[in-house]
Amino acid sequence: MPTELLTTAILHANDIRDIKHDKKAGIKTLSISIGYKKAQKVYSSSIILSYISLILMIIFRYIPYLSSICLFTIPTAIKNINKLRIAKDSNNHIAELDKESGKL
């Protein structure tokens, strides 16, 4: 489940970055449909839920406790969420957000 949520976040970051261009091209995406602010929340939620699900899977022993090493990526996740939060709209500040999300 954490992997699926992070994959969704990567794809969503790409959609957020391309809102202006996709709108001009007449392309319909979730980010365009719900708007920039709500798209930010979807991205942030996907990232946060991936870590929550990881922790729960470790607690309930679905995955080994050594999987907790993934928690060292939390600072990068926070940086990505903050980068999107302070960007006023889809612009150059988030041009690499999908790639940065992929690093998680």
N, C-alpha and C. Protein backbone atom coordinates (compact mmCIF):
# COMPACT_ATOMS: atom_id res chain seq x y z
N MET A 1 0.80 -1.20 0.00
CA MET A 1 0.00 0.00 0.00
C MET A 1 0.85 1.28 0.00
N PRO A 2 1.93 1.36 0.78
CA PRO A 2 2.73 2.59 0.74
C PRO A 2 3.27 2.88 -0.66
N THR A 3 3.69 1.85 -1.36
CA THR A 3 4.23 2.04 -2.71
C THR A 3 3.17 2.59 -3.65
N GLU A 4 1.97 2.08 -3.54
CA GLU A 4 0.88 2.55 -4.41
C GLU A 4 0.55 4.02 -4.13
N LEU A 5 0.56 4.39 -2.87
CA LEU A 5 0.28 5.78 -2.51
C LEU A 5 1.37 6.71 -3.02
N LEU A 6 2.62 6.28 -2.92
CA LEU A 6 3.72 7.12 -3.42
C LEU A 6 3.68 7.21 -4.95
N THR A 7 3.31 6.13 -5.62
CA THR A 7 3.18 6.17 -7.08
C THR A 7 2.08 7.14 -7.48
N THR A 8 0.98 7.11 -6.75
CA THR A 8 -0.12 8.05 -7.00
C THR A 8 0.37 9.49 -6.79
N ALA A 9 1.17 9.71 -5.76
CA ALA A 9 1.70 11.06 -5.49
C ALA A 9 2.59 11.54 -6.63
N ILE A 10 3.40 10.65 -7.19
CA ILE A 10 4.26 11.02 -8.32
C ILE A 10 3.41 11.47 -9.50
N LEU A 11 2.41 10.67 -9.82
CA LEU A 11 1.53 11.00 -10.95
C LEU A 11 0.76 12.29 -10.69
N HIS A 12 0.33 12.46 -9.46
CA HIS A 12 -0.43 13.67 -9.10
C HIS A 12 0.45 14.91 -9.15
N ALA A 13 1.71 14.77 -8.71
CA ALA A 13 2.65 15.90 -8.78
C ALA A 13 2.82 16.34 -10.24
N ASN A 14 2.88 15.39 -11.13
CA ASN A 14 2.99 15.69 -12.56
C ASN A 14 1.75 16.44 -13.05
N ASP A 15 0.58 15.99 -12.62
CA ASP A 15 -0.66 16.66 -13.01
C ASP A 15 -0.72 18.09 -12.47
N ILE A 16 -0.31 18.27 -11.22
CA ILE A 16 -0.33 19.60 -10.62
C ILE A 16 0.59 20.55 -11.38
N ARG A 17 1.78 20.05 -11.68
CA ARG A 17 2.76 20.87 -12.40
C ARG A 17 2.22 21.33 -13.76
N ASP A 18 1.43 20.48 -14.40
CA ASP A 18 0.97 20.75 -15.77
C ASP A 18 -0.44 21.34 -15.85
N ILE A 19 -0.98 21.82 -14.75
CA ILE A 19 -2.36 22.32 -14.75
C ILE A 19 -2.58 23.37 -15.84
N LYS A 20 -1.73 24.38 -15.89
CA LYS A 20 -1.93 25.47 -16.87
C LYS A 20 -1.88 24.96 -18.31
N HIS A 21 -0.89 24.14 -18.59
CA HIS A 21 -0.72 23.64 -19.96
C HIS A 21 -1.84 22.68 -20.35
N ASP A 22 -2.21 21.81 -19.42
CA ASP A 22 -3.29 20.86 -19.70
C ASP A 22 -4.62 21.56 -19.90
N LYS A 23 -4.85 22.60 -19.10
CA LYS A 23 -6.10 23.36 -19.23
C LYS A 23 -6.19 24.02 -20.60
N LYS A 24 -5.07 24.61 -21.05
CA LYS A 24 -5.03 25.24 -22.37
C LYS A 24 -5.24 24.22 -23.48
N ALA A 25 -4.73 23.01 -23.28
CA ALA A 25 -4.84 21.95 -24.29
C ALA A 25 -6.18 21.23 -24.23
N GLY A 26 -7.00 21.56 -23.25
CA GLY A 26 -8.30 20.92 -23.12
C GLY A 26 -8.25 19.52 -22.52
N ILE A 27 -7.16 19.23 -21.84
CA ILE A 27 -7.00 17.93 -21.20
C ILE A 27 -7.67 17.96 -19.83
N LYS A 28 -8.40 16.92 -19.52
CA LYS A 28 -9.08 16.83 -18.22
C LYS A 28 -8.27 15.95 -17.28
N THR A 29 -7.87 16.49 -16.15
CA THR A 29 -7.18 15.72 -15.12
C THR A 29 -7.87 15.97 -13.79
N LEU A 30 -7.56 15.15 -12.81
CA LEU A 30 -8.12 15.34 -11.47
C LEU A 30 -7.73 16.70 -10.92
N SER A 31 -6.47 17.09 -11.12
CA SER A 31 -6.00 18.38 -10.60
C SER A 31 -6.78 19.55 -11.18
N ILE A 32 -7.12 19.49 -12.43
CA ILE A 32 -7.91 20.55 -13.06
C ILE A 32 -9.33 20.53 -12.51
N SER A 33 -9.89 19.33 -12.37
CA SER A 33 -11.27 19.20 -11.91
C SER A 33 -11.47 19.71 -10.49
N ILE A 34 -10.53 19.43 -9.59
CA ILE A 34 -10.72 19.82 -8.19
C ILE A 34 -10.04 21.14 -7.84
N GLY A 35 -9.18 21.64 -8.69
CA GLY A 35 -8.50 22.91 -8.43
C GLY A 35 -7.17 22.72 -7.72
N TYR A 36 -6.36 23.75 -7.80
CA TYR A 36 -4.98 23.68 -7.32
C TYR A 36 -4.88 23.41 -5.82
N LYS A 37 -5.65 24.11 -5.01
CA LYS A 37 -5.57 23.95 -3.55
C LYS A 37 -5.95 22.53 -3.11
N LYS A 38 -7.03 22.01 -3.67
CA LYS A 38 -7.44 20.66 -3.31
C LYS A 38 -6.47 19.63 -3.87
N ALA A 39 -5.88 19.92 -5.01
CA ALA A 39 -4.86 19.02 -5.58
C ALA A 39 -3.65 18.94 -4.66
N GLN A 40 -3.30 20.07 -4.04
CA GLN A 40 -2.22 20.07 -3.05
C GLN A 40 -2.55 19.12 -1.90
N LYS A 41 -3.78 19.16 -1.45
CA LYS A 41 -4.21 18.31 -0.34
C LYS A 41 -4.17 16.83 -0.72
N VAL A 42 -4.56 16.52 -1.95
CA VAL A 42 -4.52 15.13 -2.41
C VAL A 42 -3.08 14.63 -2.43
N TYR A 43 -2.17 15.46 -2.94
CA TYR A 43 -0.75 15.09 -2.98
C TYR A 43 -0.22 14.87 -1.56
N SER A 44 -0.44 15.83 -0.69
CA SER A 44 0.05 15.73 0.69
C SER A 44 -0.54 14.52 1.40
N SER A 45 -1.81 14.29 1.20
CA SER A 45 -2.47 13.14 1.84
C SER A 45 -1.88 11.83 1.37
N SER A 46 -1.59 11.73 0.08
CA SER A 46 -0.99 10.50 -0.45
C SER A 46 0.36 10.22 0.20
N ILE A 47 1.15 11.26 0.35
CA ILE A 47 2.47 11.10 0.97
C ILE A 47 2.33 10.71 2.44
N ILE A 48 1.51 11.44 3.18
CA ILE A 48 1.34 11.18 4.61
C ILE A 48 0.76 9.79 4.85
N LEU A 49 -0.25 9.43 4.08
CA LEU A 49 -0.87 8.11 4.25
C LEU A 49 0.09 6.97 3.92
N SER A 50 1.02 7.22 3.03
CA SER A 50 1.99 6.16 2.72
C SER A 50 2.84 5.84 3.94
N TYR A 51 3.23 6.86 4.69
CA TYR A 51 4.02 6.63 5.90
C TYR A 51 3.18 6.03 7.02
N ILE A 52 1.96 6.48 7.14
CA ILE A 52 1.07 5.91 8.16
C ILE A 52 0.83 4.43 7.88
N SER A 53 0.58 4.10 6.62
CA SER A 53 0.34 2.69 6.29
C SER A 53 1.60 1.85 6.50
N LEU A 54 2.76 2.42 6.22
CA LEU A 54 4.02 1.71 6.46
C LEU A 54 4.16 1.39 7.95
N ILE A 55 3.92 2.38 8.78
CA ILE A 55 4.03 2.19 10.23
C ILE A 55 3.04 1.13 10.72
N LEU A 56 1.81 1.20 10.23
CA LEU A 56 0.80 0.22 10.63
C LEU A 56 1.17 -1.19 10.17
N MET A 57 1.71 -1.29 8.98
CA MET A 57 2.12 -2.61 8.47
C MET A 57 3.27 -3.18 9.29
N ILE A 58 4.13 -2.33 9.79
CA ILE A 58 5.22 -2.79 10.66
C ILE A 58 4.67 -3.20 12.02
N ILE A 59 3.80 -2.39 12.58
CA ILE A 59 3.21 -2.69 13.89
C ILE A 59 2.46 -4.02 13.87
N PHE A 60 1.68 -4.24 12.81
CA PHE A 60 0.89 -5.47 12.72
C PHE A 60 1.64 -6.62 12.05
N ARG A 61 2.93 -6.41 11.84
CA ARG A 61 3.85 -7.43 11.36
C ARG A 61 3.49 -8.01 10.00
N TYR A 62 2.96 -7.17 9.13
CA TYR A 62 2.75 -7.57 7.74
C TYR A 62 4.06 -7.49 6.97
N ILE A 63 4.92 -6.63 7.44
CA ILE A 63 6.25 -6.48 6.84
C ILE A 63 7.27 -6.46 7.98
N PRO A 64 8.52 -6.80 7.68
CA PRO A 64 9.53 -6.85 8.76
C PRO A 64 9.83 -5.48 9.35
N TYR A 65 10.24 -5.50 10.61
CA TYR A 65 10.55 -4.24 11.30
C TYR A 65 11.69 -3.48 10.63
N LEU A 66 12.55 -4.19 9.89
CA LEU A 66 13.64 -3.51 9.18
C LEU A 66 13.12 -2.57 8.09
N SER A 67 11.86 -2.74 7.73
CA SER A 67 11.24 -1.83 6.77
C SER A 67 11.15 -0.42 7.32
N SER A 68 11.30 -0.29 8.62
CA SER A 68 11.24 1.04 9.23
C SER A 68 12.38 1.94 8.76
N ILE A 69 13.38 1.38 8.10
CA ILE A 69 14.46 2.19 7.54
C ILE A 69 13.90 3.19 6.53
N CYS A 70 12.77 2.87 5.94
CA CYS A 70 12.12 3.78 5.00
C CYS A 70 11.72 5.10 5.65
N LEU A 71 11.58 5.09 6.95
CA LEU A 71 11.18 6.31 7.67
C LEU A 71 12.26 7.39 7.61
N PHE A 72 13.47 7.00 7.22
CA PHE A 72 14.53 8.00 7.05
C PHE A 72 14.26 8.95 5.88
N THR A 73 13.28 8.61 5.06
CA THR A 73 12.94 9.48 3.92
C THR A 73 11.91 10.55 4.30
N ILE A 74 11.46 10.55 5.52
CA ILE A 74 10.45 11.53 5.95
C ILE A 74 10.91 12.97 5.74
N PRO A 75 12.15 13.35 6.02
CA PRO A 75 12.55 14.74 5.74
C PRO A 75 12.38 15.14 4.27
N THR A 76 12.67 14.23 3.37
CA THR A 76 12.47 14.52 1.94
C THR A 76 10.99 14.68 1.64
N ALA A 77 10.17 13.84 2.24
CA ALA A 77 8.72 13.94 2.04
C ALA A 77 8.20 15.30 2.53
N ILE A 78 8.66 15.71 3.69
CA ILE A 78 8.24 17.00 4.24
C ILE A 78 8.70 18.14 3.34
N LYS A 79 9.91 18.04 2.83
CA LYS A 79 10.42 19.06 1.92
C LYS A 79 9.54 19.17 0.68
N ASN A 80 9.14 18.03 0.13
CA ASN A 80 8.28 18.03 -1.06
C ASN A 80 6.91 18.64 -0.77
N ILE A 81 6.33 18.26 0.35
CA ILE A 81 5.02 18.81 0.73
C ILE A 81 5.12 20.31 0.91
N ASN A 82 6.16 20.78 1.59
CA ASN A 82 6.34 22.22 1.82
C ASN A 82 6.61 22.97 0.52
N LYS A 83 7.36 22.36 -0.37
CA LYS A 83 7.63 22.99 -1.67
C LYS A 83 6.32 23.24 -2.42
N LEU A 84 5.44 22.27 -2.39
CA LEU A 84 4.15 22.43 -3.06
C LEU A 84 3.27 23.43 -2.31
N ARG A 85 3.33 23.38 -0.99
CA ARG A 85 2.49 24.27 -0.17
C ARG A 85 2.82 25.74 -0.40
N ILE A 86 4.12 26.07 -0.53
CA ILE A 86 4.49 27.48 -0.67
C ILE A 86 4.39 27.97 -2.11
N ALA A 87 4.31 27.05 -3.06
CA ALA A 87 4.14 27.47 -4.46
C ALA A 87 2.72 28.01 -4.62
N LYS A 88 2.59 29.16 -5.20
CA LYS A 88 1.28 29.81 -5.32
C LYS A 88 0.41 29.13 -6.37
N ASP A 89 1.01 28.64 -7.41
CA ASP A 89 0.30 27.88 -8.43
C ASP A 89 1.31 27.01 -9.14
N SER A 90 0.86 26.28 -10.12
CA SER A 90 1.79 25.38 -10.82
C SER A 90 2.81 26.22 -11.58
N ASN A 91 4.03 26.21 -11.11
CA ASN A 91 5.07 27.04 -11.71
C ASN A 91 6.42 26.35 -11.63
N ASN A 92 7.47 27.08 -11.89
CA ASN A 92 8.81 26.50 -11.91
C ASN A 92 9.27 25.97 -10.56
N HIS A 93 8.70 26.47 -9.46
CA HIS A 93 9.10 26.00 -8.13
C HIS A 93 8.80 24.51 -7.95
N ILE A 94 7.81 24.02 -8.67
CA ILE A 94 7.45 22.61 -8.54
C ILE A 94 7.74 21.83 -9.82
N ALA A 95 8.58 22.37 -10.67
CA ALA A 95 8.89 21.72 -11.95
C ALA A 95 9.47 20.32 -11.76
N GLU A 96 10.21 20.13 -10.70
CA GLU A 96 10.85 18.83 -10.46
C GLU A 96 10.15 18.02 -9.37
N LEU A 97 8.95 18.43 -8.96
CA LEU A 97 8.28 17.77 -7.84
C LEU A 97 7.99 16.30 -8.13
N ASP A 98 7.63 15.97 -9.35
CA ASP A 98 7.37 14.56 -9.65
C ASP A 98 8.64 13.73 -9.52
N LYS A 99 9.77 14.27 -9.96
CA LYS A 99 11.04 13.56 -9.83
C LYS A 99 11.46 13.46 -8.37
N GLU A 100 11.26 14.55 -7.62
CA GLU A 100 11.60 14.53 -6.20
C GLU A 100 10.71 13.53 -5.45
N SER A 101 9.46 13.42 -5.85
CA SER A 101 8.56 12.46 -5.24
C SER A 101 8.99 11.04 -5.58
N GLY A 102 9.50 10.86 -6.77
CA GLY A 102 9.99 9.55 -7.18
C GLY A 102 11.16 9.08 -6.33
N LYS A 103 11.92 10.00 -5.80
CA LYS A 103 13.06 9.64 -4.96
C LYS A 103 12.64 9.01 -3.64
N LEU A 104 11.41 9.30 -3.24
CA LEU A 104 10.92 8.70 -1.99
C LEU A 104 10.81 7.20 -2.14
